[in-house]
């Protein structure tokens, strides 16, 4: 157990030990749809990892040119969210793509000024 809650009688005697609830780890790698979508100018992108992984999460324009790398490195297990702001970009459809341990997924996001 990583964490325990000790419930005592005030005299230093432990009367029971209960495990604290923890958010369970996801069963697999997942990339979620951004929200809000369409957005202006900030959106949230979420993903989950069952174990620590090297993750690359990049943003592309509609013709496939990489606009920005959002994540490029080791990320711990769990659920993760990041907020992205479309600075100096034109309104339109963009793609975000995540790679991790053989997993590849991409989603569309719409920036609407």
Protein backbone atom coordinates (compact mmCIF):
# COMPACT_ATOMS: atom_id res chain seq x y z
CA UNK A 1 0.00 0.00 0.00
CA UNK A 2 1.24 3.46 -0.84
CA UNK A 3 -0.94 5.27 1.67
CA UNK A 4 -2.76 4.19 4.76
CA UNK A 5 -5.06 5.99 7.13
CA UNK A 6 -4.50 5.20 10.78
CA UNK A 7 -7.50 5.46 13.06
CA UNK A 8 -6.55 5.42 16.73
CA UNK A 9 -8.11 5.88 20.16
CA UNK A 10 -5.98 8.89 21.05
CA UNK A 11 -3.68 6.90 23.34
CA UNK A 12 -1.31 5.77 20.59
CA UNK A 13 -3.01 2.40 20.14
CA UNK A 14 -4.01 1.61 16.56
CA UNK A 15 -7.51 0.22 16.40
CA UNK A 16 -7.77 -0.25 12.64
CA UNK A 17 -5.91 0.40 9.40
CA UNK A 18 -7.76 1.18 6.16
CA UNK A 19 -6.33 1.64 2.69
CA UNK A 20 -7.04 5.05 1.16
CA UNK A 21 -8.83 5.03 -2.17
CA UNK A 22 -6.58 5.81 -5.12
CA UNK A 23 -7.58 6.46 -8.67
CA UNK A 24 -7.04 3.18 -10.52
CA UNK A 25 -4.53 3.11 -13.34
CA UNK A 26 -6.04 2.94 -16.82
CA UNK A 27 -6.13 -0.43 -18.56
CA UNK A 28 -4.46 0.84 -21.71
CA UNK A 29 -3.08 3.89 -23.44
CA UNK A 30 -5.82 6.30 -24.49
CA UNK A 31 -6.00 9.67 -26.19
CA UNK A 32 -9.21 11.59 -25.57
CA UNK A 33 -11.01 14.12 -27.75
CA UNK A 34 -10.10 17.70 -26.86
CA UNK A 35 -12.65 19.92 -25.15
CA UNK A 36 -14.14 22.29 -25.89
CA UNK A 37 -14.15 21.60 -29.61
CA UNK A 38 -14.47 23.94 -31.48
CA UNK A 39 -12.44 26.23 -29.21
CA UNK A 40 -11.17 29.82 -28.99
CA UNK A 41 -8.35 30.24 -28.05
CA UNK A 42 -7.67 27.49 -25.44
CA UNK A 43 -8.56 23.80 -25.38
CA UNK A 44 -7.76 20.81 -23.14
CA UNK A 45 -6.21 17.57 -24.39
CA UNK A 46 -6.25 14.50 -22.15
CA UNK A 47 -4.56 11.11 -22.32
CA UNK A 48 -3.95 8.18 -20.00
CA UNK A 49 -1.12 5.70 -19.53
CA UNK A 50 -1.18 2.40 -17.57
CA UNK A 51 2.57 2.70 -16.91
CA UNK A 52 5.31 5.27 -17.43
CA UNK A 53 5.98 5.72 -21.13
CA UNK A 54 7.92 7.88 -23.53
CA UNK A 55 5.20 10.03 -25.13
CA UNK A 56 5.27 12.28 -28.18
CA UNK A 57 2.20 14.45 -28.64
CA UNK A 58 2.34 16.85 -31.58
CA UNK A 59 0.03 19.26 -33.36
CA UNK A 60 -0.23 19.41 -37.17
CA UNK A 61 -2.01 21.61 -39.66
CA UNK A 62 -4.43 20.06 -42.15
CA UNK A 63 -1.70 19.48 -44.76
CA UNK A 64 0.44 17.52 -42.30
CA UNK A 65 3.03 20.11 -41.30
CA UNK A 66 4.03 19.90 -37.64
CA UNK A 67 3.03 23.11 -35.87
CA UNK A 68 4.13 22.35 -32.32
CA UNK A 69 5.33 19.51 -30.09
CA UNK A 70 3.24 19.49 -26.91
CA UNK A 71 4.88 16.53 -25.12
CA UNK A 72 8.15 14.81 -25.93
CA UNK A 73 9.53 12.72 -23.11
CA UNK A 74 8.92 10.28 -20.28
CA UNK A 75 5.47 10.66 -18.68
CA UNK A 76 4.41 8.79 -15.51
CA UNK A 77 1.45 6.41 -15.38
CA UNK A 78 -2.00 7.91 -14.85
CA UNK A 79 -4.39 10.37 -16.39
CA UNK A 80 -2.92 13.57 -17.80
CA UNK A 81 -4.40 16.79 -19.15
CA UNK A 82 -2.76 19.73 -20.83
CA UNK A 83 -4.14 23.07 -21.90
CA UNK A 84 -3.10 24.38 -25.29
CA UNK A 85 -3.60 27.90 -26.61
CA UNK A 86 -3.66 28.57 -30.36
CA UNK A 87 -1.32 31.54 -30.51
CA UNK A 88 -0.94 33.29 -33.88
CA UNK A 89 -2.73 30.53 -35.82
CA UNK A 90 -5.48 30.92 -38.38
CA UNK A 91 -8.93 29.51 -37.73
CA UNK A 92 -9.28 26.00 -39.06
CA UNK A 93 -8.94 22.28 -38.52
CA UNK A 94 -5.79 20.93 -36.86
CA UNK A 95 -4.73 17.40 -35.90
CA UNK A 96 -3.08 16.28 -32.68
CA UNK A 97 -1.26 12.95 -32.72
CA UNK A 98 0.07 10.85 -29.85
CA UNK A 99 2.68 8.08 -30.00
CA UNK A 100 3.62 5.87 -27.03
CA UNK A 101 4.91 2.28 -26.86
CA UNK A 102 3.52 1.22 -30.27
CA UNK A 103 0.28 3.15 -29.71
CA UNK A 104 -0.57 5.82 -32.29
CA UNK A 105 -3.78 7.85 -32.39
CA UNK A 106 -4.81 11.17 -33.85
CA UNK A 107 -7.80 13.47 -33.33
CA UNK A 108 -9.13 16.60 -35.04
CA UNK A 109 -9.54 19.90 -33.25
CA UNK A 110 -11.19 23.02 -34.60
CA UNK A 111 -9.89 26.51 -33.83
CA UNK A 112 -12.64 29.04 -34.44
CA UNK A 113 -11.93 32.75 -33.98
